[in-house]
Protein backbone atom coordinates (compact mmCIF):
# COMPACT_ATOMS: atom_id res chain seq x y z
CA UNK A 1 -14.77 -95.59 18.58
CA UNK A 2 -12.54 -94.16 21.64
CA UNK A 3 -9.89 -93.16 19.26
CA UNK A 4 -12.27 -91.26 17.32
CA UNK A 5 -13.41 -89.22 20.26
CA UNK A 6 -9.98 -88.60 21.51
CA UNK A 7 -9.17 -87.10 17.98
CA UNK A 8 -12.44 -84.99 18.20
CA UNK A 9 -11.21 -83.70 21.80
CA UNK A 10 -7.59 -82.98 20.60
CA UNK A 11 -9.05 -80.81 17.82
CA UNK A 12 -11.06 -78.84 19.92
CA UNK A 13 -8.54 -78.25 22.36
CA UNK A 14 -6.11 -77.05 19.56
CA UNK A 15 -8.78 -74.71 18.18
CA UNK A 16 -9.26 -73.13 21.81
CA UNK A 17 -5.34 -72.78 22.22
CA UNK A 18 -5.38 -70.91 18.94
CA UNK A 19 -8.15 -68.75 19.76
CA UNK A 20 -6.59 -67.85 23.26
CA UNK A 21 -3.33 -66.94 21.43
CA UNK A 22 -5.03 -64.54 18.93
CA UNK A 23 -7.05 -62.99 21.60
CA UNK A 24 -3.88 -62.33 23.62
CA UNK A 25 -1.91 -60.97 20.72
CA UNK A 26 -4.64 -58.48 19.96
CA UNK A 27 -4.88 -57.22 23.45
CA UNK A 28 -1.19 -56.68 23.42
CA UNK A 29 -1.21 -54.69 20.25
CA UNK A 30 -4.28 -52.71 21.62
CA UNK A 31 -2.30 -51.78 24.56
CA UNK A 32 0.96 -50.82 22.49
CA UNK A 33 -1.37 -48.51 20.29
CA UNK A 34 -2.76 -46.75 23.28
CA UNK A 35 0.66 -46.41 24.71
CA UNK A 36 2.06 -45.07 21.46
CA UNK A 37 -0.80 -42.49 21.19
CA UNK A 38 -0.25 -41.47 24.45
CA UNK A 39 3.60 -40.85 24.15
CA UNK A 40 2.52 -38.85 20.86
CA UNK A 41 0.16 -36.64 22.74
CA UNK A 42 2.82 -35.89 25.24
CA UNK A 43 5.27 -35.04 22.74
CA UNK A 44 2.89 -32.62 20.97
CA UNK A 45 2.23 -30.81 24.16
CA UNK A 46 5.78 -30.66 25.03
CA UNK A 47 6.76 -29.51 21.49
CA UNK A 48 4.09 -26.48 21.09
CA UNK A 49 6.00 -23.44 20.41
CA UNK A 50 5.43 -20.43 22.46
CA UNK A 51 5.45 -17.21 20.63
CA UNK A 52 4.84 -13.35 21.05
CA UNK A 53 3.66 -11.19 17.85
CA UNK A 54 4.97 -7.63 17.93
CA UNK A 55 4.87 -4.82 15.30
CA UNK A 56 8.00 -2.70 14.98
CA UNK A 57 8.26 0.75 13.49
CA UNK A 58 11.02 2.97 12.13
CA UNK A 59 10.30 6.52 10.60
CA UNK A 60 12.71 9.15 9.12
CA UNK A 61 12.09 12.73 8.14
CA UNK A 62 13.25 13.21 4.64
CA UNK A 63 13.83 16.49 2.76
CA UNK A 64 11.76 16.31 -0.60
CA UNK A 65 13.80 16.21 -3.92
CA UNK A 66 10.78 16.53 -6.19
CA UNK A 67 8.31 19.31 -7.23
CA UNK A 68 4.88 18.51 -8.80
CA UNK A 69 2.72 21.36 -10.07
CA UNK A 70 -0.46 20.72 -11.97
CA UNK A 71 -1.49 23.77 -14.00
CA UNK A 72 -3.75 24.48 -17.03
CA UNK A 73 -6.07 26.56 -19.24
CA UNK A 74 -9.67 26.56 -19.37
CA UNK A 75 -11.29 28.26 -22.33
CA UNK A 76 -14.99 28.79 -23.56
CA UNK A 77 -16.16 29.56 -27.27
CA UNK A 78 -18.98 29.12 -29.55
CA UNK A 79 -17.55 25.98 -31.00
CA UNK A 80 -15.37 22.98 -29.88
CA UNK A 81 -12.84 23.57 -32.52
CA UNK A 82 -12.36 27.42 -31.27
CA UNK A 83 -12.42 26.28 -27.73
CA UNK A 84 -9.57 24.04 -28.49
CA UNK A 85 -7.60 26.28 -30.73
CA UNK A 86 -7.66 29.12 -28.06
CA UNK A 87 -6.79 26.63 -25.06
CA UNK A 88 -3.78 25.29 -27.20
CA UNK A 89 -2.77 28.90 -28.04
CA UNK A 90 -2.48 29.79 -24.47
CA UNK A 91 -0.98 26.58 -23.18
CA UNK A 92 1.70 26.58 -25.76
CA UNK A 93 2.70 30.09 -24.62
CA UNK A 94 2.73 28.90 -21.01
CA UNK A 95 5.04 25.91 -21.88
CA UNK A 96 7.33 28.12 -23.57
CA UNK A 97 7.76 30.36 -20.94
CA UNK A 98 8.87 27.41 -18.64
CA UNK A 99 11.67 26.55 -21.02
CA UNK A 100 13.37 29.79 -20.34
CA UNK A 101 13.98 28.54 -16.74
CA UNK A 102 15.20 25.25 -17.80
CA UNK A 103 12.09 23.15 -17.67
CA UNK A 104 12.37 20.46 -20.29
CA UNK A 105 9.68 18.48 -22.30
CA UNK A 106 10.68 15.56 -20.34
CA UNK A 107 9.28 17.25 -17.31
CA UNK A 108 6.11 17.96 -18.67
CA UNK A 109 3.00 15.66 -19.03
CA UNK A 110 -0.57 15.79 -20.07
CA UNK A 111 -2.71 15.33 -16.81
CA UNK A 112 -6.39 15.87 -18.03
CA UNK A 113 -7.73 17.14 -21.34
CA UNK A 114 -11.52 17.73 -21.34
CA UNK A 115 -13.88 19.37 -23.88
CA UNK A 116 -17.73 19.47 -22.98
CA UNK A 117 -20.61 21.60 -23.92
CA UNK A 118 -21.95 24.63 -22.12
CA UNK A 119 -25.66 24.82 -21.62
CA UNK A 120 -28.09 27.45 -21.12
CA UNK A 121 -31.54 27.31 -19.73
CA UNK A 122 -34.52 29.36 -21.06
CA UNK A 123 -38.58 29.30 -21.02
CA UNK A 124 -40.03 28.28 -24.13
CA UNK A 125 -42.78 30.47 -24.73
CA UNK A 126 -45.16 27.90 -26.31
CA UNK A 127 -45.00 25.27 -23.85
CA UNK A 128 -43.93 27.30 -20.67
CA UNK A 129 -41.33 24.74 -20.02
CA UNK A 130 -37.65 25.47 -19.42
CA UNK A 131 -35.47 23.78 -21.90
CA UNK A 132 -31.52 23.85 -22.26
CA UNK A 133 -29.69 24.46 -25.32
CA UNK A 134 -26.02 24.55 -26.18
CA UNK A 135 -24.47 27.84 -26.29
CA UNK A 136 -20.70 26.97 -26.50
CA UNK A 137 -17.94 24.59 -25.66
CA UNK A 138 -15.50 24.54 -22.63
CA UNK A 139 -12.17 23.03 -23.06
CA UNK A 140 -9.94 22.31 -20.13
CA UNK A 141 -6.14 20.93 -20.53
CA UNK A 142 -4.11 20.38 -17.28
CA UNK A 143 -0.58 19.63 -17.48
CA UNK A 144 1.91 18.45 -14.81
CA UNK A 145 5.33 19.76 -14.12
CA UNK A 146 7.48 17.32 -12.30
CA UNK A 147 11.06 18.71 -11.63
CA UNK A 148 13.82 18.87 -9.07
CA UNK A 149 13.80 22.66 -9.24
CA UNK A 150 12.11 23.09 -5.90
CA UNK A 151 13.21 26.74 -5.41
CA UNK A 152 11.26 27.71 -8.52
CA UNK A 153 7.88 26.74 -7.49
CA UNK A 154 6.77 30.35 -7.25
CA UNK A 155 8.45 31.44 -10.60
CA UNK A 156 6.89 28.58 -12.28
CA UNK A 157 3.26 29.60 -11.17
CA UNK A 158 3.89 33.26 -12.32
CA UNK A 159 5.23 32.48 -15.53
CA UNK A 160 2.30 30.10 -16.77
CA UNK A 161 -0.25 32.43 -15.07
CA UNK A 162 1.29 35.45 -16.88
CA UNK A 163 1.06 33.54 -20.27
CA UNK A 164 -2.68 32.43 -20.05
CA UNK A 165 -3.03 29.70 -17.51
CA UNK A 166 -6.09 30.17 -15.43
CA UNK A 167 -5.71 27.10 -13.27
CA UNK A 168 -3.39 25.83 -10.76
CA UNK A 169 -4.77 22.66 -9.35
CA UNK A 170 -1.92 21.08 -7.59
CA UNK A 171 1.39 21.97 -5.67
CA UNK A 172 3.28 19.33 -4.19
CA UNK A 173 6.54 18.59 -2.77
CA UNK A 174 7.46 14.94 -2.69
CA UNK A 175 10.23 12.51 -2.36
CA UNK A 176 11.28 10.59 -5.78
CA UNK A 177 10.68 6.99 -5.89
CA UNK A 178 14.66 5.81 -5.94
CA UNK A 179 15.25 7.97 -3.02
CA UNK A 180 12.01 6.42 -0.90
CA UNK A 181 13.13 2.88 -1.73
CA UNK A 182 16.65 3.78 -0.39
CA UNK A 183 15.35 5.18 2.77
CA UNK A 184 12.89 2.21 3.49
CA UNK A 185 15.64 -0.16 3.01
CA UNK A 186 17.63 1.73 5.68
CA UNK A 187 14.76 1.46 8.03
CA UNK A 188 14.00 -2.23 8.00
CA UNK A 189 16.82 -3.05 10.57
CA UNK A 190 15.66 -0.21 12.69
CA UNK A 191 12.10 -1.39 12.78
CA UNK A 192 13.29 -5.07 13.54
CA UNK A 193 15.11 -3.94 16.50
CA UNK A 194 12.20 -1.83 17.60
CA UNK A 195 10.06 -4.88 17.43
CA UNK A 196 12.51 -6.91 19.55
CA UNK A 197 12.79 -4.22 22.21
CA UNK A 198 8.87 -4.28 22.44
CA UNK A 199 8.87 -8.06 22.57
CA UNK A 200 11.46 -8.18 25.35
CA UNK A 201 9.59 -5.40 27.48
CA UNK A 202 6.32 -7.49 27.03
CA UNK A 203 7.81 -11.06 28.19
CA UNK A 204 9.97 -9.80 30.76
CA UNK A 205 7.23 -9.84 33.67
CA UNK A 206 6.40 -13.35 32.26
CA UNK A 207 9.97 -14.63 32.98
CA UNK A 208 10.46 -15.45 29.46
CA UNK A 209 13.20 -15.00 26.89
CA UNK A 210 13.41 -14.80 23.24
CA UNK A 211 15.03 -17.85 21.51
CA UNK A 212 14.28 -17.36 17.94
CA UNK A 213 12.33 -16.04 15.04
CA UNK A 214 9.11 -17.83 13.62
CA UNK A 215 8.49 -15.08 10.71
CA UNK A 216 9.03 -11.59 9.78
CA UNK A 217 6.69 -9.61 7.34
CA UNK A 218 7.97 -6.06 6.33
CA UNK A 219 5.35 -3.51 5.44
CA UNK A 220 6.96 -0.60 3.63
CA UNK A 221 4.22 1.29 2.38
CA UNK A 222 4.38 4.06 4.97
CA UNK A 223 4.75 6.99 2.67
CA UNK A 224 2.32 9.49 0.93
CA UNK A 225 3.28 12.88 -0.15
CA UNK A 226 1.25 15.79 1.15
CA UNK A 227 0.15 18.52 -1.32
CA UNK A 228 0.86 21.92 -0.24
CA UNK A 229 -2.30 23.41 -1.71
CA UNK A 230 -5.02 22.43 -4.13
CA UNK A 231 -7.34 24.12 -6.54
CA UNK A 232 -5.62 27.43 -6.16
CA UNK A 233 -6.84 30.19 -7.99
CA UNK A 234 -4.98 32.85 -10.16
CA UNK A 235 -1.79 33.94 -8.41
CA UNK A 236 -1.17 37.52 -8.70
CA UNK A 237 2.28 37.92 -7.67
CA UNK A 238 5.08 35.77 -6.47
CA UNK A 239 4.97 34.58 -2.87
CA UNK A 240 7.53 32.53 -1.14
CA UNK A 241 6.78 28.58 -1.08
CA UNK A 242 8.72 26.36 1.26
CA UNK A 243 8.85 22.65 1.09
CA UNK A 244 8.67 20.61 4.37
CA UNK A 245 10.24 17.27 5.29
CA UNK A 246 8.25 14.28 4.74
CA UNK A 247 8.13 11.21 6.93
CA UNK A 248 8.78 8.02 5.58
CA UNK A 249 7.94 4.83 7.65
CA UNK A 250 8.34 1.28 7.68
CA UNK A 251 6.69 -1.53 9.72
CA UNK A 252 7.52 -5.00 10.43
CA UNK A 253 5.51 -7.79 11.91
CA UNK A 254 7.94 -10.33 13.76
CA UNK A 255 6.75 -13.43 15.46
CA UNK A 256 9.39 -14.19 18.21
CA UNK A 257 10.07 -17.81 19.65
CA UNK A 258 10.06 -17.53 23.26
CA UNK A 259 11.00 -19.91 26.32
CA UNK A 260 11.42 -20.15 30.02
CA UNK A 261 14.31 -18.33 31.35
């Protein structure tokens, strides 16, 4: 009986020791995790990047190299067929006159072609109400001339008006797509340097310096040609028409990395 009691006591002691060891190990693991979390947070705070976001701009005035003129013929006749025939006759004469000054078919394109009825209102004697009836058709055909003959703007207008054109909707001096692309590419470096100069001015009072670049976004849509005039009426005689330089711009959004001096 005494041996059995001793055996039972020994088992209890062993179980207590094992439980103590497990608790000790668990506490040690918990402390290790807390310590690791603390180090990780410190490292995160230490590794936060300081940045400054700046927009740089570069602009260049460029002489236009393309002339765009929209002109056309508007005719009214009793039927749609008659209106179109008269319209085509006058427009063909205008186009042929342009060929005499070197305007090719490749420089001409149809901009808009419309035909619609012309209404007239009158009072119905029986009902006393005003009703509308079709009295004819109006045809409008607008062409666009796109050429590098900038000095011939007034001559082109006079020629087409003299051959029956009765609408001049647009005269615009613009820069061709290849030239715009080349100018914008040449402005990117200048825009980035402009952004860097702005950033250095901004961070100087803060005793910071630029140590790198996080990102650069190039916005090169800064160009829209300005029409000289729109919806002009009939030109009675030649008048000098001068083109003006067009501004082409590039913007860059640069995020600089900064640090203490």
